[in-house]
Amino acid sequence: MQFVVANRIYVADGWQETFEERFRKRAGEIDKQPGFVRMEVLRPAKEGMPYIVQTHWVDKTSFDGWVGSEDFKRSHSNPLPKEAFSQKGGLEMHEVIISTD
């Protein structure tokens, strides 16, 4: 059973390109984590909606291992300033019960 984490991030006007560029140039630390399957960064198709950064894991234990790792701390050590975000986002966690690839 896969485990999916979706981080909803509301990026303020004028910060979208900077936000996207951060992911294009990311260090790739997550790719090396045990149990990591894939990541998607979804751009909102409608103004005012959040970006969604979605990661797929073999299981919740793998995700928890990433969050507790030095690689996680390093990859989150230089965040964008507060004004880059228009509102508070949220983290959602789900277990996959059906998947069609």
PDB file of N, CA and C in Angstrom:
ATOM      1  N   MET A   1       0.837  -1.173   0.000  1.00  0.00           N
ATOM      2  CA  MET A   1       0.000   0.000   0.000  1.00  0.00           C
ATOM      3  C   MET A   1       0.889   1.245   0.000  1.00  0.00           C
ATOM      4  N   GLN A   2       0.657   2.170  -0.910  1.00  0.00           N
ATOM      5  CA  GLN A   2       1.427   3.406  -0.934  1.00  0.00           C
ATOM      6  C   GLN A   2       0.847   4.444   0.019  1.00  0.00           C
ATOM      7  N   PHE A   3       1.703   5.384   0.384  1.00  0.00           N
ATOM      8  CA  PHE A   3       1.338   6.485   1.259  1.00  0.00           C
ATOM      9  C   PHE A   3       1.626   7.769   0.491  1.00  0.00           C
ATOM     10  N   VAL A   4       0.653   8.691   0.439  1.00  0.00           N
ATOM     11  CA  VAL A   4       0.791   9.923  -0.328  1.00  0.00           C
ATOM     12  C   VAL A   4       0.651  11.126   0.605  1.00  0.00           C
ATOM     13  N   VAL A   5       1.564  12.077   0.448  1.00  0.00           N
ATOM     14  CA  VAL A   5       1.523  13.300   1.226  1.00  0.00           C
ATOM     15  C   VAL A   5       1.355  14.463   0.253  1.00  0.00           C
ATOM     16  N   ALA A   6       0.338  15.284   0.486  1.00  0.00           N
ATOM     17  CA  ALA A   6       0.083  16.459  -0.345  1.00  0.00           C
ATOM     18  C   ALA A   6       0.247  17.709   0.498  1.00  0.00           C
ATOM     19  N   ASN A   7       1.160  18.561   0.090  1.00  0.00           N
ATOM     20  CA  ASN A   7       1.400  19.817   0.787  1.00  0.00           C
ATOM     21  C   ASN A   7       0.782  20.935  -0.051  1.00  0.00           C
ATOM     22  N   ARG A   8      -0.249  21.582   0.460  1.00  0.00           N
ATOM     23  CA  ARG A   8      -0.923  22.679  -0.253  1.00  0.00           C
ATOM     24  C   ARG A   8      -0.248  23.985   0.140  1.00  0.00           C
ATOM     25  N   ILE A   9       0.269  24.681  -0.882  1.00  0.00           N
ATOM     26  CA  ILE A   9       1.071  25.884  -0.636  1.00  0.00           C
ATOM     27  C   ILE A   9       0.482  27.045  -1.438  1.00  0.00           C
ATOM     28  N   TYR A  10       0.025  28.075  -0.729  1.00  0.00           N
ATOM     29  CA  TYR A  10      -0.542  29.259  -1.357  1.00  0.00           C
ATOM     30  C   TYR A  10       0.587  30.260  -1.612  1.00  0.00           C
ATOM     31  N   VAL A  11       0.985  30.394  -2.858  1.00  0.00           N
ATOM     32  CA  VAL A  11       2.090  31.277  -3.232  1.00  0.00           C
ATOM     33  C   VAL A  11       1.528  32.646  -3.620  1.00  0.00           C
ATOM     34  N   ALA A  12       2.088  33.692  -3.058  1.00  0.00           N
ATOM     35  CA  ALA A  12       1.628  35.063  -3.317  1.00  0.00           C
ATOM     36  C   ALA A  12       1.958  35.493  -4.739  1.00  0.00           C
ATOM     37  N   ASP A  13       1.141  36.399  -5.265  1.00  0.00           N
ATOM     38  CA  ASP A  13       1.382  36.953  -6.599  1.00  0.00           C
ATOM     39  C   ASP A  13       2.798  37.503  -6.682  1.00  0.00           C
ATOM     40  N   GLY A  14       3.453  37.223  -7.789  1.00  0.00           N
ATOM     41  CA  GLY A  14       4.815  37.690  -8.009  1.00  0.00           C
ATOM     42  C   GLY A  14       5.891  36.738  -7.525  1.00  0.00           C
ATOM     43  N   TRP A  15       5.517  35.718  -6.781  1.00  0.00           N
ATOM     44  CA  TRP A  15       6.480  34.754  -6.238  1.00  0.00           C
ATOM     45  C   TRP A  15       6.422  33.398  -6.942  1.00  0.00           C
ATOM     46  N   GLN A  16       5.506  33.227  -7.882  1.00  0.00           N
ATOM     47  CA  GLN A  16       5.304  31.926  -8.510  1.00  0.00           C
ATOM     48  C   GLN A  16       6.569  31.400  -9.198  1.00  0.00           C
ATOM     49  N   GLU A  17       7.225  32.238  -9.996  1.00  0.00           N
ATOM     50  CA  GLU A  17       8.409  31.784 -10.724  1.00  0.00           C
ATOM     51  C   GLU A  17       9.532  31.405  -9.760  1.00  0.00           C
ATOM     52  N   THR A  18       9.715  32.197  -8.715  1.00  0.00           N
ATOM     53  CA  THR A  18      10.740  31.892  -7.715  1.00  0.00           C
ATOM     54  C   THR A  18      10.432  30.565  -7.033  1.00  0.00           C
ATOM     55  N   PHE A  19       9.179  30.362  -6.687  1.00  0.00           N
ATOM     56  CA  PHE A  19       8.766  29.115  -6.041  1.00  0.00           C
ATOM     57  C   PHE A  19       9.037  27.923  -6.959  1.00  0.00           C
ATOM     58  N   GLU A  20       8.626  28.027  -8.215  1.00  0.00           N
ATOM     59  CA  GLU A  20       8.819  26.927  -9.163  1.00  0.00           C
ATOM     60  C   GLU A  20      10.301  26.664  -9.418  1.00  0.00           C
ATOM     61  N   GLU A  21      11.079  27.732  -9.510  1.00  0.00           N
ATOM     62  CA  GLU A  21      12.515  27.577  -9.768  1.00  0.00           C
ATOM     63  C   GLU A  21      13.205  26.838  -8.620  1.00  0.00           C
ATOM     64  N   ARG A  22      12.742  27.058  -7.403  1.00  0.00           N
ATOM     65  CA  ARG A  22      13.300  26.340  -6.257  1.00  0.00           C
ATOM     66  C   ARG A  22      13.179  24.826  -6.458  1.00  0.00           C
ATOM     67  N   PHE A  23      12.034  24.392  -6.973  1.00  0.00           N
ATOM     68  CA  PHE A  23      11.845  22.958  -7.187  1.00  0.00           C
ATOM     69  C   PHE A  23      12.630  22.463  -8.392  1.00  0.00           C
ATOM     70  N   ARG A  24      12.764  23.284  -9.413  1.00  0.00           N
ATOM     71  CA  ARG A  24      13.566  22.880 -10.574  1.00  0.00           C
ATOM     72  C   ARG A  24      15.027  22.670 -10.190  1.00  0.00           C
ATOM     73  N   LYS A  25      15.511  23.487  -9.251  1.00  0.00           N
ATOM     74  CA  LYS A  25      16.918  23.423  -8.842  1.00  0.00           C
ATOM     75  C   LYS A  25      17.119  22.682  -7.527  1.00  0.00           C
ATOM     76  N   ARG A  26      16.104  21.997  -7.068  1.00  0.00           N
ATOM     77  CA  ARG A  26      16.182  21.351  -5.760  1.00  0.00           C
ATOM     78  C   ARG A  26      17.365  20.386  -5.689  1.00  0.00           C
ATOM     79  N   ALA A  27      17.802  20.157  -4.485  1.00  0.00           N
ATOM     80  CA  ALA A  27      18.990  19.333  -4.259  1.00  0.00           C
ATOM     81  C   ALA A  27      18.765  17.868  -4.614  1.00  0.00           C
ATOM     82  N   GLY A  28      17.524  17.425  -4.609  1.00  0.00           N
ATOM     83  CA  GLY A  28      17.253  16.030  -4.945  1.00  0.00           C
ATOM     84  C   GLY A  28      17.459  15.071  -3.798  1.00  0.00           C
ATOM     85  N   GLU A  29      17.557  15.597  -2.597  1.00  0.00           N
ATOM     86  CA  GLU A  29      17.781  14.738  -1.432  1.00  0.00           C
ATOM     87  C   GLU A  29      16.653  13.727  -1.247  1.00  0.00           C
ATOM     88  N   ILE A  30      15.437  14.153  -1.542  1.00  0.00           N
ATOM     89  CA  ILE A  30      14.292  13.262  -1.327  1.00  0.00           C
ATOM     90  C   ILE A  30      14.377  12.023  -2.222  1.00  0.00           C
ATOM     91  N   ASP A  31      14.944  12.200  -3.409  1.00  0.00           N
ATOM     92  CA  ASP A  31      15.039  11.089  -4.361  1.00  0.00           C
ATOM     93  C   ASP A  31      15.876   9.919  -3.837  1.00  0.00           C
ATOM     94  N   LYS A  32      16.758  10.210  -2.889  1.00  0.00           N
ATOM     95  CA  LYS A  32      17.655   9.182  -2.344  1.00  0.00           C
ATOM     96  C   LYS A  32      17.086   8.478  -1.123  1.00  0.00           C
ATOM     97  N   GLN A  33      15.906   8.904  -0.678  1.00  0.00           N
ATOM     98  CA  GLN A  33      15.366   8.376   0.579  1.00  0.00           C
ATOM     99  C   GLN A  33      14.789   6.974   0.400  1.00  0.00           C
ATOM    100  N   PRO A  34      15.048   6.094   1.358  1.00  0.00           N
ATOM    101  CA  PRO A  34      14.454   4.757   1.312  1.00  0.00           C
ATOM    102  C   PRO A  34      12.930   4.856   1.306  1.00  0.00           C
ATOM    103  N   GLY A  35      12.301   4.167   0.392  1.00  0.00           N
ATOM    104  CA  GLY A  35      10.848   4.132   0.325  1.00  0.00           C
ATOM    105  C   GLY A  35      10.218   5.243  -0.489  1.00  0.00           C
ATOM    106  N   PHE A  36      11.032   6.175  -1.016  1.00  0.00           N
ATOM    107  CA  PHE A  36      10.501   7.242  -1.852  1.00  0.00           C
ATOM    108  C   PHE A  36      10.132   6.669  -3.217  1.00  0.00           C
ATOM    109  N   VAL A  37       8.947   7.048  -3.725  1.00  0.00           N
ATOM    110  CA  VAL A  37       8.492   6.570  -5.030  1.00  0.00           C
ATOM    111  C   VAL A  37       8.579   7.672  -6.076  1.00  0.00           C
ATOM    112  N   ARG A  38       7.917   8.806  -5.822  1.00  0.00           N
ATOM    113  CA  ARG A  38       7.967   9.912  -6.775  1.00  0.00           C
ATOM    114  C   ARG A  38       7.408  11.184  -6.131  1.00  0.00           C
ATOM    115  N   MET A  39       7.674  12.310  -6.818  1.00  0.00           N
ATOM    116  CA  MET A  39       7.165  13.600  -6.387  1.00  0.00           C
ATOM    117  C   MET A  39       6.581  14.328  -7.587  1.00  0.00           C
ATOM    118  N   GLU A  40       5.507  15.086  -7.331  1.00  0.00           N
ATOM    119  CA  GLU A  40       4.909  15.939  -8.346  1.00  0.00           C
ATOM    120  C   GLU A  40       4.691  17.316  -7.725  1.00  0.00           C
ATOM    121  N   VAL A  41       5.001  18.354  -8.493  1.00  0.00           N
ATOM    122  CA  VAL A  41       4.689  19.719  -8.089  1.00  0.00           C
ATOM    123  C   VAL A  41       3.611  20.188  -9.059  1.00  0.00           C
ATOM    124  N   LEU A  42       2.437  20.463  -8.535  1.00  0.00           N
ATOM    125  CA  LEU A  42       1.281  20.808  -9.357  1.00  0.00           C
ATOM    126  C   LEU A  42       1.003  22.306  -9.273  1.00  0.00           C
ATOM    127  N   ARG A  43       1.003  22.971 -10.435  1.00  0.00           N
ATOM    128  CA  ARG A  43       0.696  24.399 -10.510  1.00  0.00           C
ATOM    129  C   ARG A  43      -0.818  24.568 -10.586  1.00  0.00           C
ATOM    130  N   PRO A  44      -1.369  25.505  -9.819  1.00  0.00           N
ATOM    131  CA  PRO A  44      -2.820  25.694  -9.864  1.00  0.00           C
ATOM    132  C   PRO A  44      -3.274  26.196 -11.238  1.00  0.00           C
ATOM    133  N   ALA A  45      -4.391  25.655 -11.706  1.00  0.00           N
ATOM    134  CA  ALA A  45      -4.956  26.059 -12.992  1.00  0.00           C
ATOM    135  C   ALA A  45      -5.908  27.235 -12.838  1.00  0.00           C
ATOM    136  N   LYS A  46      -6.208  27.594 -11.594  1.00  0.00           N
ATOM    137  CA  LYS A  46      -7.130  28.686 -11.311  1.00  0.00           C
ATOM    138  C   LYS A  46      -6.489  29.615 -10.286  1.00  0.00           C
ATOM    139  N   GLU A  47      -6.582  30.914 -10.520  1.00  0.00           N
ATOM    140  CA  GLU A  47      -6.004  31.893  -9.613  1.00  0.00           C
ATOM    141  C   GLU A  47      -6.591  31.750  -8.204  1.00  0.00           C
ATOM    142  N   GLY A  48      -5.712  31.904  -7.218  1.00  0.00           N
ATOM    143  CA  GLY A  48      -6.148  31.836  -5.830  1.00  0.00           C
ATOM    144  C   GLY A  48      -6.094  30.438  -5.226  1.00  0.00           C
ATOM    145  N   MET A  49      -5.832  29.448  -6.052  1.00  0.00           N
ATOM    146  CA  MET A  49      -5.733  28.069  -5.563  1.00  0.00           C
ATOM    147  C   MET A  49      -4.277  27.767  -5.213  1.00  0.00           C
ATOM    148  N   PRO A  50      -4.038  26.757  -4.389  1.00  0.00           N
ATOM    149  CA  PRO A  50      -2.661  26.465  -3.971  1.00  0.00           C
ATOM    150  C   PRO A  50      -1.902  25.602  -4.980  1.00  0.00           C
ATOM    151  N   TYR A  51      -0.586  25.716  -4.927  1.00  0.00           N
ATOM    152  CA  TYR A  51       0.273  24.705  -5.530  1.00  0.00           C
ATOM    153  C   TYR A  51       0.113  23.472  -4.662  1.00  0.00           C
ATOM    154  N   ILE A  52       0.331  22.309  -5.244  1.00  0.00           N
ATOM    155  CA  ILE A  52       0.328  21.081  -4.455  1.00  0.00           C
ATOM    156  C   ILE A  52       1.634  20.353  -4.731  1.00  0.00           C
ATOM    157  N   VAL A  53       2.377  20.090  -3.668  1.00  0.00           N
ATOM    158  CA  VAL A  53       3.580  19.276  -3.767  1.00  0.00           C
ATOM    159  C   VAL A  53       3.194  17.919  -3.204  1.00  0.00           C
ATOM    160  N   GLN A  54       3.184  16.940  -4.081  1.00  0.00           N
ATOM    161  CA  GLN A  54       2.690  15.609  -3.711  1.00  0.00           C
ATOM    162  C   GLN A  54       3.832  14.605  -3.774  1.00  0.00           C
ATOM    163  N   THR A  55       4.047  13.910  -2.674  1.00  0.00           N
ATOM    164  CA  THR A  55       5.073  12.875  -2.649  1.00  0.00           C
ATOM    165  C   THR A  55       4.422  11.520  -2.396  1.00  0.00           C
ATOM    166  N   HIS A  56       4.976  10.520  -3.038  1.00  0.00           N
ATOM    167  CA  HIS A  56       4.478   9.147  -2.912  1.00  0.00           C
ATOM    168  C   HIS A  56       5.571   8.314  -2.243  1.00  0.00           C
ATOM    169  N   TRP A  57       5.147   7.506  -1.302  1.00  0.00           N
ATOM    170  CA  TRP A  57       6.058   6.688  -0.501  1.00  0.00           C
ATOM    171  C   TRP A  57       5.568   5.251  -0.477  1.00  0.00           C
ATOM    172  N   VAL A  58       6.482   4.343  -0.221  1.00  0.00           N
ATOM    173  CA  VAL A  58       6.118   2.934  -0.076  1.00  0.00           C
ATOM    174  C   VAL A  58       5.165   2.771   1.108  1.00  0.00           C
ATOM    175  N   ASP A  59       5.432   3.516   2.197  1.00  0.00           N
ATOM    176  CA  ASP A  59       4.589   3.449   3.392  1.00  0.00           C
ATOM    177  C   ASP A  59       4.843   4.681   4.261  1.00  0.00           C
ATOM    178  N   LYS A  60       4.051   4.842   5.304  1.00  0.00           N
ATOM    179  CA  LYS A  60       4.180   5.993   6.197  1.00  0.00           C
ATOM    180  C   LYS A  60       5.520   5.998   6.923  1.00  0.00           C
ATOM    181  N   THR A  61       6.023   4.843   7.242  1.00  0.00           N
ATOM    182  CA  THR A  61       7.314   4.741   7.922  1.00  0.00           C
ATOM    183  C   THR A  61       8.415   5.372   7.083  1.00  0.00           C
ATOM    184  N   SER A  62       8.363   5.178   5.766  1.00  0.00           N
ATOM    185  CA  SER A  62       9.359   5.782   4.872  1.00  0.00           C
ATOM    186  C   SER A  62       9.254   7.308   4.899  1.00  0.00           C
ATOM    187  N   PHE A  63       8.021   7.831   4.858  1.00  0.00           N
ATOM    188  CA  PHE A  63       7.829   9.280   4.930  1.00  0.00           C
ATOM    189  C   PHE A  63       8.355   9.823   6.258  1.00  0.00           C
ATOM    190  N   ASP A  64       8.013   9.171   7.354  1.00  0.00           N
ATOM    191  CA  ASP A  64       8.485   9.604   8.669  1.00  0.00           C
ATOM    192  C   ASP A  64      10.011   9.602   8.733  1.00  0.00           C
ATOM    193  N   GLY A  65      10.632   8.628   8.084  1.00  0.00           N
ATOM    194  CA  GLY A  65      12.097   8.573   8.038  1.00  0.00           C
ATOM    195  C   GLY A  65      12.677   9.783   7.319  1.00  0.00           C
ATOM    196  N   TRP A  66      12.035  10.197   6.230  1.00  0.00           N
ATOM    197  CA  TRP A  66      12.467  11.386   5.487  1.00  0.00           C
ATOM    198  C   TRP A  66      12.356  12.639   6.356  1.00  0.00           C
ATOM    199  N   VAL A  67      11.224  12.806   7.024  1.00  0.00           N
ATOM    200  CA  VAL A  67      11.000  14.000   7.843  1.00  0.00           C
ATOM    201  C   VAL A  67      12.005  14.075   8.993  1.00  0.00           C
ATOM    202  N   GLY A  68      12.425  12.953   9.492  1.00  0.00           N
ATOM    203  CA  GLY A  68      13.383  12.937  10.594  1.00  0.00           C
ATOM    204  C   GLY A  68      14.838  12.936  10.157  1.00  0.00           C
ATOM    205  N   SER A  69      15.088  12.997   8.865  1.00  0.00           N
ATOM    206  CA  SER A  69      16.460  12.868   8.367  1.00  0.00           C
ATOM    207  C   SER A  69      17.207  14.199   8.297  1.00  0.00           C
ATOM    208  N   GLU A  70      18.525  14.120   8.274  1.00  0.00           N
ATOM    209  CA  GLU A  70      19.375  15.291   8.079  1.00  0.00           C
ATOM    210  C   GLU A  70      19.158  15.865   6.682  1.00  0.00           C
ATOM    211  N   ASP A  71      18.875  15.006   5.703  1.00  0.00           N
ATOM    212  CA  ASP A  71      18.604  15.476   4.343  1.00  0.00           C
ATOM    213  C   ASP A  71      17.372  16.376   4.318  1.00  0.00           C
ATOM    214  N   PHE A  72      16.337  16.031   5.077  1.00  0.00           N
ATOM    215  CA  PHE A  72      15.131  16.853   5.165  1.00  0.00           C
ATOM    216  C   PHE A  72      15.471  18.226   5.742  1.00  0.00           C
ATOM    217  N   LYS A  73      16.217  18.223   6.837  1.00  0.00           N
ATOM    218  CA  LYS A  73      16.593  19.489   7.470  1.00  0.00           C
ATOM    219  C   LYS A  73      17.390  20.367   6.506  1.00  0.00           C
ATOM    220  N   ARG A  74      18.312  19.757   5.771  1.00  0.00           N
ATOM    221  CA  ARG A  74      19.135  20.492   4.824  1.00  0.00           C
ATOM    222  C   ARG A  74      18.282  21.059   3.681  1.00  0.00           C
ATOM    223  N   SER A  75      17.345  20.271   3.184  1.00  0.00           N
ATOM    224  CA  SER A  75      16.540  20.715   2.042  1.00  0.00           C
ATOM    225  C   SER A  75      15.517  21.783   2.420  1.00  0.00           C
ATOM    226  N   HIS A  76      15.232  21.933   3.703  1.00  0.00           N
ATOM    227  CA  HIS A  76      14.273  22.941   4.169  1.00  0.00           C
ATOM    228  C   HIS A  76      14.957  24.069   4.956  1.00  0.00           C
ATOM    229  N   SER A  77      16.258  24.186   4.835  1.00  0.00           N
ATOM    230  CA  SER A  77      17.008  25.138   5.664  1.00  0.00           C
ATOM    231  C   SER A  77      17.002  26.570   5.130  1.00  0.00           C
ATOM    232  N   ASN A  78      16.571  26.779   3.902  1.00  0.00           N
ATOM    233  CA  ASN A  78      16.593  28.117   3.316  1.00  0.00           C
ATOM    234  C   ASN A  78      15.224  28.439   2.704  1.00  0.00           C
ATOM    235  N   PRO A  79      14.196  28.613   3.536  1.00  0.00           N
ATOM    236  CA  PRO A  79      12.843  28.826   3.000  1.00  0.00           C
ATOM    237  C   PRO A  79      12.677  30.212   2.370  1.00  0.00           C
ATOM    238  N   LEU A  80      11.663  30.326   1.524  1.00  0.00           N
ATOM    239  CA  LEU A  80      11.297  31.632   0.988  1.00  0.00           C
ATOM    240  C   LEU A  80      10.784  32.509   2.132  1.00  0.00           C
ATOM    241  N   PRO A  81      10.840  33.842   1.969  1.00  0.00           N
ATOM    242  CA  PRO A  81      10.340  34.726   3.036  1.00  0.00           C
ATOM    243  C   PRO A  81       8.824  34.612   3.195  1.00  0.00           C
ATOM    244  N   LYS A  82       8.335  35.031   4.338  1.00  0.00           N
ATOM    245  CA  LYS A  82       6.903  34.934   4.645  1.00  0.00           C
ATOM    246  C   LYS A  82       6.031  35.607   3.602  1.00  0.00           C
ATOM    247  N   GLU A  83       6.499  36.713   3.034  1.00  0.00           N
ATOM    248  CA  GLU A  83       5.692  37.434   2.059  1.00  0.00           C
ATOM    249  C   GLU A  83       5.512  36.673   0.741  1.00  0.00           C
ATOM    250  N   ALA A  84       6.224  35.573   0.566  1.00  0.00           N
ATOM    251  CA  ALA A  84       6.071  34.742  -0.636  1.00  0.00           C
ATOM    252  C   ALA A  84       4.783  33.915  -0.589  1.00  0.00           C
ATOM    253  N   PHE A  85       4.140  33.899   0.560  1.00  0.00           N
ATOM    254  CA  PHE A  85       2.948  33.065   0.729  1.00  0.00           C
ATOM    255  C   PHE A  85       1.741  33.928   1.080  1.00  0.00           C
ATOM    256  N   SER A  86       0.629  33.668   0.406  1.00  0.00           N
ATOM    257  CA  SER A  86      -0.561  34.496   0.593  1.00  0.00           C
ATOM    258  C   SER A  86      -1.427  34.037   1.760  1.00  0.00           C
ATOM    259  N   GLN A  87      -1.297  32.794   2.133  1.00  0.00           N
ATOM    260  CA  GLN A  87      -2.019  32.273   3.290  1.00  0.00           C
ATOM    261  C   GLN A  87      -1.384  30.959   3.724  1.00  0.00           C
ATOM    262  N   LYS A  88      -1.787  30.506   4.878  1.00  0.00           N
ATOM    263  CA  LYS A  88      -1.258  29.250   5.418  1.00  0.00           C
ATOM    264  C   LYS A  88      -1.764  28.083   4.587  1.00  0.00           C
ATOM    265  N   GLY A  89      -0.892  27.180   4.307  1.00  0.00           N
ATOM    266  CA  GLY A  89      -1.251  25.977   3.560  1.00  0.00           C
ATOM    267  C   GLY A  89      -1.599  24.844   4.502  1.00  0.00           C
ATOM    268  N   GLY A  90      -1.422  23.642   4.035  1.00  0.00           N
ATOM    269  CA  GLY A  90      -1.729  22.498   4.875  1.00  0.00           C
ATOM    270  C   GLY A  90      -1.154  21.220   4.310  1.00  0.00           C
ATOM    271  N   LEU A  91      -0.906  20.295   5.187  1.00  0.00           N
ATOM    272  CA  LEU A  91      -0.356  19.000   4.831  1.00  0.00           C
ATOM    273  C   LEU A  91      -1.455  17.955   4.967  1.00  0.00           C
ATOM    274  N   GLU A  92      -1.615  17.151   3.936  1.00  0.00           N
ATOM    275  CA  GLU A  92      -2.601  16.062   3.956  1.00  0.00           C
ATOM    276  C   GLU A  92      -1.870  14.752   3.729  1.00  0.00           C
ATOM    277  N   MET A  93      -2.293  13.727   4.432  1.00  0.00           N
ATOM    278  CA  MET A  93      -1.684  12.402   4.297  1.00  0.00           C
ATOM    279  C   MET A  93      -2.774  11.390   3.986  1.00  0.00           C
ATOM    280  N   HIS A  94      -2.467  10.508   3.025  1.00  0.00           N
ATOM    281  CA  HIS A  94      -3.455   9.525   2.584  1.00  0.00           C
ATOM    282  C   HIS A  94      -2.790   8.179   2.311  1.00  0.00           C
ATOM    283  N   GLU A  95      -3.533   7.119   2.567  1.00  0.00           N
ATOM    284  CA  GLU A  95      -3.129   5.781   2.147  1.00  0.00           C
ATOM    285  C   GLU A  95      -3.840   5.476   0.834  1.00  0.00           C
ATOM    286  N   VAL A  96      -3.125   4.951  -0.132  1.00  0.00           N
ATOM    287  CA  VAL A  96      -3.699   4.617  -1.419  1.00  0.00           C
ATOM    288  C   VAL A  96      -4.477   3.305  -1.282  1.00  0.00           C
ATOM    289  N   ILE A  97      -5.745   3.348  -1.659  1.00  0.00           N
ATOM    290  CA  ILE A  97      -6.546   2.112  -1.625  1.00  0.00           C
ATOM    291  C   ILE A  97      -6.810   1.587  -3.037  1.00  0.00           C
ATOM    292  N   ILE A  98      -6.801   2.497  -4.028  1.00  0.00           N
ATOM    293  CA  ILE A  98      -6.969   2.096  -5.428  1.00  0.00           C
ATOM    294  C   ILE A  98      -6.030   2.955  -6.254  1.00  0.00           C
ATOM    295  N   SER A  99      -5.315   2.351  -7.196  1.00  0.00           N
ATOM    296  CA  SER A  99      -4.443   3.082  -8.091  1.00  0.00           C
ATOM    297  C   SER A  99      -4.503   2.427  -9.472  1.00  0.00           C
ATOM    298  N   THR A 100      -4.663   3.246 -10.498  1.00  0.00           N
ATOM    299  CA  THR A 100      -4.620   2.724 -11.856  1.00  0.00           C
ATOM    300  C   THR A 100      -3.526   3.444 -12.600  1.00  0.00           C
ATOM    301  N   ASP A 101      -2.510   2.728 -12.995  1.00  0.00           N
ATOM    302  CA  ASP A 101      -1.385   3.331 -13.738  1.00  0.00           C
ATOM    303  C   ASP A 101      -1.419   2.883 -15.163  1.00  0.00           C
TER     304      ASP A 101
END
